[in-house]
Amino acid sequence: MRETAFDPSALSSLPIFPLPNCVLLPGGLLPLHVFEPRYRELTRDCLAGHHLMGVARLRPGYESTYYGRPPVYERCGVGRIICSEELPDGRFALLLRGVARVEIARELSTERQYRMVEALELRDAAVDPLDARDHQNQLVSLCDRLAEVIDEGGSQLRELVRTFESPGACADAIAAALIMDADARQELLEACDPMIRLQRTLGHVSHLLCELAPCESTVN
């Protein structure tokens, strides 16, 4: 599968949707229920334009300034709206797919109700292609084994781990599907080294396997 491309000019004025403990990884899916007026406006503008928004995780302590401009993590995911439904009362049901990891360079002044930023795309660091491919093959093997012991979703997991050609993108997609802890996801989002993402995702899948099919040592 070709990694999802987007127009980089969209990052010069990117709307952001700040959310608590929510991290969108490239290749991941995020359903959203949009009900606040400012985010309804954001959604309408996105649907009328490039269909892209930043999903920025709110930093701890955001509650007191939630309706203002509470601090967010500078590194965030960019999602493309791939499915949308406007409900009769003006709310939206959206489905985003993660397409990039970015770093917020600065927040922009805007007359819109929602926040906008200038962002820079974070590119993957160079890695040894043979080493990366070896780790990717290990991840495919572990996901196949995990698919055999989970109650549901095994066939989807086997398909997902084979969807992306790039080792780093493969790790992102599996991490997005299997790692739920927000801190762990934020660390993976901020990691521009594909080998780090592959190793951490391998470790997580190994841990899941040992929980579901007890083993004496780390699965490899």
N, C-alpha and C. Protein backbone atom coordinates (compact mmCIF):
# COMPACT_ATOMS: atom_id res chain seq x y z
N MET A 1 0.84 -1.19 0.00
CA MET A 1 0.00 0.00 0.00
C MET A 1 0.88 1.24 0.00
N ARG A 2 0.52 2.17 -0.84
CA ARG A 2 1.25 3.43 -0.86
C ARG A 2 0.95 4.23 0.40
N GLU A 3 2.01 4.75 1.05
CA GLU A 3 1.78 5.58 2.23
C GLU A 3 1.00 6.83 1.83
N THR A 4 0.03 7.22 2.65
CA THR A 4 -0.89 8.30 2.29
C THR A 4 -0.13 9.61 2.14
N ALA A 5 -0.30 10.23 0.97
CA ALA A 5 0.34 11.52 0.70
C ALA A 5 -0.65 12.65 0.99
N PHE A 6 -0.12 13.83 1.19
CA PHE A 6 -0.97 15.00 1.37
C PHE A 6 -0.20 16.22 0.91
N ASP A 7 -0.91 17.30 0.70
CA ASP A 7 -0.29 18.54 0.24
C ASP A 7 0.42 19.20 1.42
N PRO A 8 1.75 19.29 1.40
CA PRO A 8 2.47 19.87 2.54
C PRO A 8 2.14 21.33 2.80
N SER A 9 1.59 22.02 1.80
CA SER A 9 1.22 23.43 2.02
C SER A 9 0.13 23.56 3.07
N ALA A 10 -0.62 22.47 3.32
CA ALA A 10 -1.67 22.51 4.33
C ALA A 10 -1.10 22.74 5.72
N LEU A 11 0.19 22.43 5.91
CA LEU A 11 0.79 22.57 7.24
C LEU A 11 1.09 24.02 7.60
N SER A 12 1.03 24.92 6.63
CA SER A 12 1.30 26.33 6.93
C SER A 12 0.18 26.96 7.74
N SER A 13 -1.02 26.41 7.66
CA SER A 13 -2.15 26.89 8.46
C SER A 13 -3.06 25.70 8.75
N LEU A 14 -2.61 24.90 9.70
CA LEU A 14 -3.27 23.64 10.02
C LEU A 14 -4.21 23.81 11.22
N PRO A 15 -5.49 23.51 11.08
CA PRO A 15 -6.38 23.53 12.25
C PRO A 15 -6.04 22.38 13.18
N ILE A 16 -6.15 22.62 14.45
CA ILE A 16 -5.88 21.54 15.41
C ILE A 16 -7.10 21.27 16.28
N PHE A 17 -7.25 20.00 16.61
CA PHE A 17 -8.32 19.53 17.49
C PHE A 17 -7.62 19.01 18.75
N PRO A 18 -7.50 19.81 19.80
CA PRO A 18 -6.84 19.35 21.04
C PRO A 18 -7.76 18.38 21.80
N LEU A 19 -7.19 17.27 22.24
CA LEU A 19 -7.96 16.27 22.97
C LEU A 19 -7.12 15.72 24.12
N PRO A 20 -7.76 15.38 25.23
CA PRO A 20 -7.01 14.79 26.35
C PRO A 20 -6.68 13.33 26.08
N ASN A 21 -5.42 12.97 26.32
CA ASN A 21 -4.98 11.57 26.23
C ASN A 21 -5.36 10.90 24.92
N CYS A 22 -5.26 11.65 23.83
CA CYS A 22 -5.56 11.11 22.51
C CYS A 22 -4.37 11.37 21.60
N VAL A 23 -3.80 10.31 21.04
CA VAL A 23 -2.63 10.41 20.17
C VAL A 23 -2.94 9.68 18.88
N LEU A 24 -2.90 10.38 17.76
CA LEU A 24 -3.16 9.78 16.46
C LEU A 24 -1.84 9.47 15.77
N LEU A 25 -1.58 8.19 15.57
CA LEU A 25 -0.37 7.74 14.89
C LEU A 25 -0.62 7.61 13.39
N PRO A 26 0.40 7.82 12.56
CA PRO A 26 0.22 7.58 11.13
C PRO A 26 -0.27 6.16 10.86
N GLY A 27 -1.25 6.06 9.98
CA GLY A 27 -1.82 4.75 9.66
C GLY A 27 -2.95 4.34 10.58
N GLY A 28 -3.11 5.05 11.71
CA GLY A 28 -4.16 4.70 12.66
C GLY A 28 -5.49 5.33 12.30
N LEU A 29 -6.56 4.82 12.89
CA LEU A 29 -7.90 5.35 12.68
C LEU A 29 -8.41 5.96 13.98
N LEU A 30 -9.13 7.07 13.86
CA LEU A 30 -9.67 7.75 15.04
C LEU A 30 -11.10 8.20 14.76
N PRO A 31 -12.09 7.58 15.42
CA PRO A 31 -13.46 8.08 15.31
C PRO A 31 -13.65 9.28 16.23
N LEU A 32 -14.35 10.28 15.77
CA LEU A 32 -14.59 11.49 16.57
C LEU A 32 -16.08 11.83 16.55
N HIS A 33 -16.58 12.21 17.73
CA HIS A 33 -17.93 12.77 17.84
C HIS A 33 -17.75 14.26 18.11
N VAL A 34 -18.12 15.09 17.17
CA VAL A 34 -17.85 16.53 17.24
C VAL A 34 -19.14 17.25 17.63
N PHE A 35 -19.12 17.89 18.81
CA PHE A 35 -20.33 18.55 19.28
C PHE A 35 -20.11 20.00 19.69
N GLU A 36 -18.89 20.38 20.09
CA GLU A 36 -18.66 21.78 20.47
C GLU A 36 -18.74 22.68 19.24
N PRO A 37 -19.35 23.88 19.38
CA PRO A 37 -19.50 24.77 18.23
C PRO A 37 -18.18 25.08 17.52
N ARG A 38 -17.09 25.28 18.28
CA ARG A 38 -15.82 25.63 17.62
C ARG A 38 -15.29 24.49 16.77
N TYR A 39 -15.55 23.25 17.19
CA TYR A 39 -15.05 22.12 16.42
C TYR A 39 -16.01 21.71 15.30
N ARG A 40 -17.29 22.11 15.45
CA ARG A 40 -18.19 21.98 14.30
C ARG A 40 -17.71 22.92 13.19
N GLU A 41 -17.32 24.13 13.57
CA GLU A 41 -16.80 25.07 12.58
C GLU A 41 -15.52 24.52 11.94
N LEU A 42 -14.62 23.98 12.77
CA LEU A 42 -13.38 23.39 12.26
C LEU A 42 -13.71 22.28 11.25
N THR A 43 -14.68 21.43 11.60
CA THR A 43 -15.03 20.33 10.71
C THR A 43 -15.58 20.82 9.39
N ARG A 44 -16.46 21.80 9.42
CA ARG A 44 -17.02 22.33 8.17
C ARG A 44 -15.93 22.91 7.30
N ASP A 45 -14.99 23.65 7.91
CA ASP A 45 -13.91 24.24 7.13
C ASP A 45 -12.99 23.16 6.55
N CYS A 46 -12.71 22.11 7.34
CA CYS A 46 -11.87 21.02 6.84
C CYS A 46 -12.54 20.31 5.66
N LEU A 47 -13.84 20.04 5.78
CA LEU A 47 -14.55 19.34 4.72
C LEU A 47 -14.64 20.18 3.46
N ALA A 48 -14.62 21.50 3.63
CA ALA A 48 -14.67 22.39 2.47
C ALA A 48 -13.28 22.59 1.85
N GLY A 49 -12.24 22.13 2.56
CA GLY A 49 -10.87 22.34 2.10
C GLY A 49 -10.12 21.05 1.91
N HIS A 50 -8.96 20.94 2.62
CA HIS A 50 -8.06 19.81 2.39
C HIS A 50 -8.36 18.56 3.23
N HIS A 51 -9.39 18.61 4.07
CA HIS A 51 -9.82 17.46 4.88
C HIS A 51 -8.78 17.05 5.92
N LEU A 52 -7.85 17.93 6.26
CA LEU A 52 -6.79 17.61 7.22
C LEU A 52 -6.94 18.41 8.50
N MET A 53 -6.63 17.77 9.63
CA MET A 53 -6.57 18.48 10.91
C MET A 53 -5.49 17.85 11.77
N GLY A 54 -4.89 18.65 12.63
CA GLY A 54 -3.97 18.12 13.61
C GLY A 54 -4.73 17.64 14.83
N VAL A 55 -4.32 16.50 15.36
CA VAL A 55 -4.89 16.00 16.61
C VAL A 55 -3.81 16.14 17.66
N ALA A 56 -3.96 17.15 18.51
CA ALA A 56 -2.92 17.52 19.47
C ALA A 56 -3.35 17.07 20.87
N ARG A 57 -2.47 16.34 21.54
CA ARG A 57 -2.77 15.87 22.90
C ARG A 57 -2.58 17.02 23.88
N LEU A 58 -3.59 17.22 24.71
CA LEU A 58 -3.51 18.26 25.73
C LEU A 58 -2.53 17.85 26.83
N ARG A 59 -1.74 18.82 27.28
CA ARG A 59 -0.82 18.55 28.38
C ARG A 59 -1.58 18.51 29.71
N PRO A 60 -1.04 17.80 30.70
CA PRO A 60 -1.71 17.73 32.01
C PRO A 60 -1.99 19.12 32.57
N GLY A 61 -3.13 19.25 33.24
CA GLY A 61 -3.52 20.52 33.83
C GLY A 61 -4.33 21.40 32.90
N TYR A 62 -4.78 20.83 31.79
CA TYR A 62 -5.50 21.61 30.78
C TYR A 62 -6.89 22.06 31.24
N GLU A 63 -7.43 21.41 32.28
CA GLU A 63 -8.84 21.61 32.62
C GLU A 63 -9.21 23.07 32.89
N SER A 64 -8.32 23.80 33.58
CA SER A 64 -8.65 25.17 33.97
C SER A 64 -8.72 26.14 32.80
N THR A 65 -8.08 25.77 31.69
CA THR A 65 -8.09 26.67 30.51
C THR A 65 -8.62 25.95 29.28
N TYR A 66 -9.45 24.93 29.48
CA TYR A 66 -9.90 24.11 28.36
C TYR A 66 -10.57 24.94 27.27
N TYR A 67 -11.35 25.92 27.65
CA TYR A 67 -12.09 26.70 26.66
C TYR A 67 -11.28 27.86 26.11
N GLY A 68 -10.02 27.94 26.50
CA GLY A 68 -9.12 28.94 25.93
C GLY A 68 -8.12 28.28 25.01
N ARG A 69 -6.83 28.44 25.36
CA ARG A 69 -5.76 27.84 24.55
C ARG A 69 -4.81 27.07 25.47
N PRO A 70 -5.27 25.97 26.05
CA PRO A 70 -4.42 25.21 26.96
C PRO A 70 -3.22 24.62 26.21
N PRO A 71 -2.09 24.42 26.91
CA PRO A 71 -0.89 23.87 26.26
C PRO A 71 -1.14 22.48 25.69
N VAL A 72 -0.54 22.22 24.54
CA VAL A 72 -0.60 20.90 23.92
C VAL A 72 0.82 20.41 23.68
N TYR A 73 0.97 19.11 23.47
CA TYR A 73 2.27 18.57 23.08
C TYR A 73 2.63 19.10 21.70
N GLU A 74 3.90 19.53 21.56
CA GLU A 74 4.30 20.16 20.30
C GLU A 74 4.29 19.17 19.14
N ARG A 75 4.51 17.91 19.42
CA ARG A 75 4.47 16.90 18.36
C ARG A 75 3.11 16.23 18.35
N CYS A 76 2.48 16.25 17.20
CA CYS A 76 1.12 15.72 17.11
C CYS A 76 0.93 15.00 15.79
N GLY A 77 -0.19 14.31 15.68
CA GLY A 77 -0.52 13.60 14.46
C GLY A 77 -1.41 14.45 13.57
N VAL A 78 -1.32 14.21 12.27
CA VAL A 78 -2.22 14.84 11.31
C VAL A 78 -3.15 13.77 10.78
N GLY A 79 -4.45 14.06 10.80
CA GLY A 79 -5.43 13.10 10.31
C GLY A 79 -6.20 13.65 9.13
N ARG A 80 -6.52 12.76 8.21
CA ARG A 80 -7.39 13.11 7.09
C ARG A 80 -8.79 12.57 7.36
N ILE A 81 -9.80 13.39 7.15
CA ILE A 81 -11.18 12.93 7.29
C ILE A 81 -11.48 11.99 6.12
N ILE A 82 -11.74 10.72 6.43
CA ILE A 82 -12.04 9.76 5.37
C ILE A 82 -13.51 9.37 5.35
N CYS A 83 -14.24 9.75 6.40
CA CYS A 83 -15.68 9.49 6.46
C CYS A 83 -16.31 10.52 7.36
N SER A 84 -17.45 11.06 6.95
CA SER A 84 -18.11 12.08 7.79
C SER A 84 -19.61 11.99 7.62
N GLU A 85 -20.30 12.34 8.69
CA GLU A 85 -21.76 12.41 8.66
C GLU A 85 -22.18 13.58 9.54
N GLU A 86 -22.93 14.51 8.95
CA GLU A 86 -23.49 15.60 9.73
C GLU A 86 -24.85 15.18 10.25
N LEU A 87 -25.03 15.25 11.54
CA LEU A 87 -26.27 14.83 12.17
C LEU A 87 -27.29 15.97 12.13
N PRO A 88 -28.58 15.66 12.30
CA PRO A 88 -29.62 16.69 12.17
C PRO A 88 -29.43 17.90 13.09
N ASP A 89 -28.82 17.69 14.25
CA ASP A 89 -28.65 18.80 15.19
C ASP A 89 -27.34 19.55 15.00
N GLY A 90 -26.58 19.24 13.93
CA GLY A 90 -25.35 19.97 13.64
C GLY A 90 -24.09 19.32 14.14
N ARG A 91 -24.22 18.24 14.92
CA ARG A 91 -23.04 17.50 15.34
C ARG A 91 -22.49 16.70 14.16
N PHE A 92 -21.25 16.23 14.30
CA PHE A 92 -20.64 15.44 13.25
C PHE A 92 -20.12 14.13 13.82
N ALA A 93 -20.20 13.10 13.02
CA ALA A 93 -19.48 11.85 13.28
C ALA A 93 -18.41 11.74 12.22
N LEU A 94 -17.16 11.66 12.66
CA LEU A 94 -16.03 11.65 11.74
C LEU A 94 -15.19 10.40 11.95
N LEU A 95 -14.48 10.03 10.90
CA LEU A 95 -13.43 9.02 11.01
C LEU A 95 -12.18 9.59 10.35
N LEU A 96 -11.10 9.67 11.14
CA LEU A 96 -9.82 10.17 10.63
C LEU A 96 -8.85 9.02 10.43
N ARG A 97 -8.00 9.18 9.43
CA ARG A 97 -6.85 8.29 9.28
C ARG A 97 -5.58 9.11 9.45
N GLY A 98 -4.68 8.65 10.30
CA GLY A 98 -3.42 9.36 10.51
C GLY A 98 -2.56 9.32 9.25
N VAL A 99 -2.03 10.48 8.85
CA VAL A 99 -1.23 10.55 7.62
C VAL A 99 0.18 11.08 7.85
N ALA A 100 0.45 11.67 9.03
CA ALA A 100 1.79 12.24 9.25
C ALA A 100 1.98 12.54 10.73
N ARG A 101 3.26 12.65 11.13
CA ARG A 101 3.64 13.19 12.43
C ARG A 101 4.27 14.55 12.16
N VAL A 102 3.91 15.54 12.96
CA VAL A 102 4.40 16.89 12.73
C VAL A 102 4.81 17.52 14.06
N GLU A 103 5.54 18.63 13.95
CA GLU A 103 5.90 19.43 15.12
C GLU A 103 5.32 20.83 14.93
N ILE A 104 4.63 21.32 15.94
CA ILE A 104 4.05 22.66 15.86
C ILE A 104 5.17 23.68 15.99
N ALA A 105 5.31 24.53 14.97
CA ALA A 105 6.33 25.58 14.99
C ALA A 105 5.83 26.81 15.73
N ARG A 106 4.57 27.16 15.49
CA ARG A 106 4.00 28.32 16.18
C ARG A 106 2.49 28.28 16.02
N GLU A 107 1.80 28.90 16.98
CA GLU A 107 0.35 29.03 16.88
C GLU A 107 0.03 30.33 16.16
N LEU A 108 -0.98 30.28 15.30
CA LEU A 108 -1.33 31.42 14.46
C LEU A 108 -2.49 32.21 15.07
N SER A 109 -2.49 33.49 14.82
CA SER A 109 -3.66 34.31 15.16
C SER A 109 -4.74 34.04 14.12
N THR A 110 -5.96 33.91 14.56
CA THR A 110 -7.04 33.60 13.64
C THR A 110 -8.36 34.17 14.17
N GLU A 111 -9.25 34.46 13.25
CA GLU A 111 -10.59 34.92 13.63
C GLU A 111 -11.55 33.75 13.77
N ARG A 112 -11.08 32.56 13.46
CA ARG A 112 -11.94 31.39 13.61
C ARG A 112 -12.08 31.04 15.09
N GLN A 113 -13.09 30.26 15.43
CA GLN A 113 -13.29 29.87 16.83
C GLN A 113 -12.25 28.85 17.29
N TYR A 114 -11.73 28.08 16.36
CA TYR A 114 -10.78 27.01 16.69
C TYR A 114 -9.34 27.50 16.49
N ARG A 115 -8.40 26.70 16.93
CA ARG A 115 -6.99 27.07 16.89
C ARG A 115 -6.34 26.58 15.59
N MET A 116 -5.36 27.36 15.14
CA MET A 116 -4.61 27.00 13.95
C MET A 116 -3.12 27.17 14.22
N VAL A 117 -2.32 26.34 13.58
CA VAL A 117 -0.88 26.37 13.81
C VAL A 117 -0.13 26.28 12.48
N GLU A 118 1.13 26.66 12.53
CA GLU A 118 2.06 26.33 11.47
C GLU A 118 2.85 25.12 11.96
N ALA A 119 2.92 24.09 11.14
CA ALA A 119 3.56 22.85 11.57
C ALA A 119 4.59 22.41 10.54
N LEU A 120 5.54 21.61 11.01
CA LEU A 120 6.59 21.06 10.17
C LEU A 120 6.49 19.54 10.19
N GLU A 121 6.52 18.92 9.03
CA GLU A 121 6.45 17.46 8.98
C GLU A 121 7.73 16.85 9.52
N LEU A 122 7.59 15.81 10.33
CA LEU A 122 8.73 15.09 10.89
C LEU A 122 9.01 13.88 10.00
N ARG A 123 10.16 13.88 9.38
CA ARG A 123 10.55 12.80 8.48
C ARG A 123 11.28 11.71 9.25
N ASP A 124 11.19 10.50 8.74
CA ASP A 124 11.90 9.38 9.37
C ASP A 124 13.41 9.49 9.17
N ALA A 125 14.14 9.10 10.21
CA ALA A 125 15.61 9.04 10.11
C ALA A 125 16.00 7.87 9.21
N ALA A 126 17.21 7.96 8.66
CA ALA A 126 17.73 6.88 7.83
C ALA A 126 18.08 5.67 8.70
N VAL A 127 17.81 4.49 8.20
CA VAL A 127 18.12 3.26 8.93
C VAL A 127 18.76 2.26 7.97
N ASP A 128 19.38 1.24 8.54
CA ASP A 128 19.90 0.14 7.73
C ASP A 128 18.70 -0.62 7.16
N PRO A 129 18.51 -0.62 5.84
CA PRO A 129 17.30 -1.24 5.27
C PRO A 129 17.18 -2.73 5.57
N LEU A 130 18.29 -3.44 5.62
CA LEU A 130 18.23 -4.88 5.91
C LEU A 130 17.82 -5.13 7.35
N ASP A 131 18.36 -4.33 8.27
CA ASP A 131 18.00 -4.47 9.68
C ASP A 131 16.53 -4.12 9.89
N ALA A 132 16.08 -3.04 9.25
CA ALA A 132 14.69 -2.64 9.39
C ALA A 132 13.75 -3.70 8.82
N ARG A 133 14.12 -4.26 7.67
CA ARG A 133 13.27 -5.29 7.07
C ARG A 133 13.24 -6.55 7.93
N ASP A 134 14.36 -6.87 8.56
CA ASP A 134 14.39 -8.03 9.44
C ASP A 134 13.44 -7.83 10.63
N HIS A 135 13.46 -6.63 11.20
CA HIS A 135 12.54 -6.32 12.31
C HIS A 135 11.09 -6.34 11.83
N GLN A 136 10.85 -5.85 10.63
CA GLN A 136 9.49 -5.88 10.09
C GLN A 136 9.01 -7.32 9.91
N ASN A 137 9.88 -8.18 9.41
CA ASN A 137 9.51 -9.59 9.25
C ASN A 137 9.21 -10.24 10.60
N GLN A 138 9.97 -9.86 11.63
CA GLN A 138 9.68 -10.38 12.97
C GLN A 138 8.30 -9.91 13.43
N LEU A 139 7.98 -8.65 13.11
CA LEU A 139 6.68 -8.11 13.52
C LEU A 139 5.55 -8.84 12.80
N VAL A 140 5.73 -9.14 11.53
CA VAL A 140 4.72 -9.90 10.78
C VAL A 140 4.52 -11.27 11.43
N SER A 141 5.62 -11.93 11.77
CA SER A 141 5.54 -13.25 12.37
C SER A 141 4.82 -13.21 13.71
N LEU A 142 5.16 -12.22 14.55
CA LEU A 142 4.52 -12.12 15.87
C LEU A 142 3.04 -11.80 15.74
N CYS A 143 2.69 -10.93 14.80
CA CYS A 143 1.28 -10.58 14.62
C CYS A 143 0.49 -11.78 14.12
N ASP A 144 1.10 -12.60 13.27
CA ASP A 144 0.43 -13.82 12.83
C ASP A 144 0.16 -14.74 14.02
N ARG A 145 1.12 -14.84 14.93
CA ARG A 145 0.94 -15.69 16.11
C ARG A 145 -0.11 -15.10 17.05
N LEU A 146 -0.09 -13.76 17.18
CA LEU A 146 -1.09 -13.11 18.02
C LEU A 146 -2.48 -13.30 17.43
N ALA A 147 -2.59 -13.24 16.11
CA ALA A 147 -3.88 -13.40 15.44
C ALA A 147 -4.52 -14.74 15.75
N GLU A 148 -3.69 -15.75 16.02
CA GLU A 148 -4.20 -17.09 16.29
C GLU A 148 -4.81 -17.23 17.68
N VAL A 149 -4.46 -16.31 18.60
CA VAL A 149 -4.90 -16.50 19.99
C VAL A 149 -5.88 -15.42 20.46
N ILE A 150 -6.14 -14.41 19.64
CA ILE A 150 -7.12 -13.40 20.05
C ILE A 150 -8.52 -13.85 19.65
N ASP A 151 -9.51 -13.36 20.39
CA ASP A 151 -10.88 -13.82 20.19
C ASP A 151 -11.47 -13.34 18.87
N GLU A 152 -11.12 -12.11 18.48
CA GLU A 152 -11.66 -11.57 17.23
C GLU A 152 -10.66 -10.59 16.63
N GLY A 153 -10.78 -10.37 15.33
CA GLY A 153 -9.90 -9.42 14.66
C GLY A 153 -8.60 -10.02 14.15
N GLY A 154 -8.46 -11.35 14.23
CA GLY A 154 -7.21 -11.97 13.80
C GLY A 154 -6.92 -11.77 12.33
N SER A 155 -7.93 -11.95 11.49
CA SER A 155 -7.71 -11.80 10.05
C SER A 155 -7.38 -10.36 9.70
N GLN A 156 -8.02 -9.39 10.40
CA GLN A 156 -7.71 -7.98 10.16
C GLN A 156 -6.29 -7.64 10.57
N LEU A 157 -5.82 -8.25 11.67
CA LEU A 157 -4.45 -8.00 12.12
C LEU A 157 -3.45 -8.55 11.11
N ARG A 158 -3.71 -9.75 10.62
CA ARG A 158 -2.81 -10.34 9.61
C ARG A 158 -2.75 -9.48 8.35
N GLU A 159 -3.89 -8.92 7.99
CA GLU A 159 -3.93 -8.06 6.81
C GLU A 159 -3.22 -6.73 7.07
N LEU A 160 -3.47 -6.16 8.24
CA LEU A 160 -2.90 -4.85 8.56
C LEU A 160 -1.37 -4.89 8.57
N VAL A 161 -0.77 -5.92 9.16
CA VAL A 161 0.68 -5.98 9.28
C VAL A 161 1.35 -6.13 7.92
N ARG A 162 0.57 -6.50 6.91
CA ARG A 162 1.12 -6.65 5.56
C ARG A 162 0.71 -5.49 4.63
N THR A 163 0.04 -4.49 5.19
CA THR A 163 -0.52 -3.42 4.36
C THR A 163 0.53 -2.43 3.90
N PHE A 164 1.47 -2.08 4.78
CA PHE A 164 2.42 -1.02 4.50
C PHE A 164 3.78 -1.60 4.11
N GLU A 165 4.34 -1.07 3.05
CA GLU A 165 5.63 -1.55 2.58
C GLU A 165 6.77 -1.08 3.47
N SER A 166 6.69 0.15 3.95
CA SER A 166 7.75 0.73 4.78
C SER A 166 7.75 0.10 6.17
N PRO A 167 8.91 -0.33 6.69
CA PRO A 167 8.96 -0.89 8.05
C PRO A 167 8.45 0.08 9.10
N GLY A 168 8.82 1.36 9.00
CA GLY A 168 8.37 2.34 9.98
C GLY A 168 6.86 2.52 9.95
N ALA A 169 6.28 2.56 8.75
CA ALA A 169 4.84 2.71 8.62
C ALA A 169 4.11 1.47 9.13
N CYS A 170 4.71 0.31 8.92
CA CYS A 170 4.13 -0.94 9.45
C CYS A 170 4.08 -0.89 10.97
N ALA A 171 5.18 -0.46 11.60
CA ALA A 171 5.20 -0.35 13.06
C ALA A 171 4.16 0.65 13.55
N ASP A 172 4.02 1.78 12.85
CA ASP A 172 3.03 2.78 13.24
C ASP A 172 1.62 2.19 13.24
N ALA A 173 1.27 1.49 12.17
CA ALA A 173 -0.08 0.96 12.04
C ALA A 173 -0.39 -0.08 13.11
N ILE A 174 0.58 -0.96 13.40
CA ILE A 174 0.35 -1.98 14.42
C ILE A 174 0.28 -1.34 15.81
N ALA A 175 1.15 -0.36 16.06
CA ALA A 175 1.11 0.35 17.35
C ALA A 175 -0.22 1.07 17.51
N ALA A 176 -0.70 1.69 16.44
CA ALA A 176 -1.98 2.41 16.51
C ALA A 176 -3.12 1.47 16.85
N ALA A 177 -3.04 0.23 16.36
CA ALA A 177 -4.12 -0.73 16.59
C ALA A 177 -4.05 -1.41 17.95
N LEU A 178 -2.82 -1.58 18.49
CA LEU A 178 -2.66 -2.44 19.67
C LEU A 178 -2.22 -1.72 20.94
N ILE A 179 -1.59 -0.56 20.82
CA ILE A 179 -1.08 0.14 22.01
C ILE A 179 -2.06 1.24 22.39
N MET A 180 -2.63 1.13 23.57
CA MET A 180 -3.67 2.06 23.99
C MET A 180 -3.16 3.13 24.96
N ASP A 181 -2.07 2.87 25.67
CA ASP A 181 -1.58 3.82 26.66
C ASP A 181 -1.15 5.12 25.98
N ALA A 182 -1.69 6.24 26.44
CA ALA A 182 -1.45 7.52 25.78
C ALA A 182 0.01 7.94 25.86
N ASP A 183 0.67 7.69 26.98
CA ASP A 183 2.09 8.06 27.10
C ASP A 183 2.95 7.25 26.14
N ALA A 184 2.67 5.95 26.03
CA ALA A 184 3.43 5.11 25.11
C ALA A 184 3.20 5.54 23.67
N ARG A 185 1.96 5.89 23.34
CA ARG A 185 1.65 6.34 21.99
C ARG A 185 2.34 7.67 21.69
N GLN A 186 2.37 8.57 22.68
CA GLN A 186 3.03 9.86 22.47
C GLN A 186 4.52 9.65 22.21
N GLU A 187 5.14 8.75 22.95
CA GLU A 187 6.57 8.46 22.74
C GLU A 187 6.81 7.92 21.33
N LEU A 188 5.92 7.06 20.85
CA LEU A 188 6.06 6.52 19.51
C LEU A 188 5.82 7.59 18.45
N LEU A 189 4.88 8.47 18.72
CA LEU A 189 4.62 9.56 17.77
C LEU A 189 5.85 10.46 17.64
N GLU A 190 6.55 10.68 18.74
CA GLU A 190 7.69 11.59 18.73
C GLU A 190 8.96 10.93 18.21
N ALA A 191 8.95 9.61 18.04
CA ALA A 191 10.15 8.88 17.61
C ALA A 191 10.27 8.93 16.09
N CYS A 192 11.26 9.65 15.61
CA CYS A 192 11.50 9.73 14.16
C CYS A 192 12.40 8.60 13.67
N ASP A 193 12.91 7.80 14.57
CA ASP A 193 13.75 6.65 14.21
C ASP A 193 12.85 5.42 14.06
N PRO A 194 12.68 4.91 12.83
CA PRO A 194 11.81 3.75 12.63
C PRO A 194 12.24 2.53 13.44
N MET A 195 13.54 2.39 13.72
CA MET A 195 13.99 1.24 14.48
C MET A 195 13.47 1.28 15.91
N ILE A 196 13.41 2.47 16.48
CA ILE A 196 12.85 2.59 17.83
C ILE A 196 11.39 2.16 17.83
N ARG A 197 10.65 2.61 16.84
CA ARG A 197 9.23 2.26 16.76
C ARG A 197 9.04 0.76 16.53
N LEU A 198 9.86 0.18 15.68
CA LEU A 198 9.78 -1.26 15.44
C LEU A 198 10.09 -2.06 16.70
N GLN A 199 11.16 -1.67 17.40
CA GLN A 199 11.56 -2.41 18.59
C GLN A 199 10.51 -2.31 19.69
N ARG A 200 9.96 -1.12 19.90
CA ARG A 200 8.96 -0.96 20.96
C ARG A 200 7.67 -1.68 20.60
N THR A 201 7.29 -1.66 19.33
CA THR A 201 6.08 -2.35 18.92
C THR A 201 6.27 -3.86 19.01
N LEU A 202 7.45 -4.35 18.63
CA LEU A 202 7.76 -5.76 18.80
C LEU A 202 7.64 -6.17 20.27
N GLY A 203 8.18 -5.34 21.15
CA GLY A 203 8.11 -5.64 22.57
C GLY A 203 6.68 -5.70 23.06
N HIS A 204 5.84 -4.80 22.57
CA HIS A 204 4.44 -4.78 23.01
C HIS A 204 3.70 -6.02 22.51
N VAL A 205 3.90 -6.38 21.24
CA VAL A 205 3.23 -7.56 20.71
C VAL A 205 3.72 -8.83 21.43
N SER A 206 5.02 -8.89 21.75
CA SER A 206 5.56 -10.02 22.52
C SER A 206 4.88 -10.12 23.88
N HIS A 207 4.70 -8.96 24.52
CA HIS A 207 4.06 -8.94 25.84
C HIS A 207 2.61 -9.44 25.74
N LEU A 208 1.89 -8.98 24.72
CA LEU A 208 0.51 -9.43 24.53
C LEU A 208 0.45 -10.94 24.32
N LEU A 209 1.39 -11.46 23.52
CA LEU A 209 1.41 -12.89 23.28
C LEU A 209 1.63 -13.68 24.56
N CYS A 210 2.55 -13.20 25.40
CA CYS A 210 2.84 -13.90 26.65
C CYS A 210 1.67 -13.82 27.63
N GLU A 211 0.86 -12.76 27.52
CA GLU A 211 -0.31 -12.66 28.38
C GLU A 211 -1.40 -13.64 27.92
N LEU A 212 -1.55 -13.78 26.61
CA LEU A 212 -2.63 -14.60 26.07
C LEU A 212 -2.23 -16.06 25.91
N ALA A 213 -0.94 -16.30 25.67
CA ALA A 213 -0.42 -17.66 25.54
C ALA A 213 0.86 -17.72 26.35
N PRO A 214 0.76 -17.94 27.67
CA PRO A 214 1.91 -17.83 28.57
C PRO A 214 3.18 -18.50 28.05
N CYS A 215 4.27 -17.75 28.15
CA CYS A 215 5.56 -18.25 27.67
C CYS A 215 6.61 -18.02 28.76
N GLU A 216 7.75 -18.68 28.63
CA GLU A 216 8.78 -18.61 29.66
C GLU A 216 9.69 -17.42 29.48
N SER A 217 9.81 -16.91 28.27
CA SER A 217 10.71 -15.79 28.01
C SER A 217 10.13 -14.94 26.91
N THR A 218 10.82 -13.86 26.58
CA THR A 218 10.34 -12.95 25.55
C THR A 218 10.18 -13.67 24.22
N VAL A 219 9.05 -13.43 23.58
CA VAL A 219 8.78 -14.05 22.29
C VAL A 219 9.62 -13.35 21.23
N ASN A 220 10.21 -14.11 20.31
CA ASN A 220 10.92 -13.49 19.20
C ASN A 220 10.79 -14.36 17.95
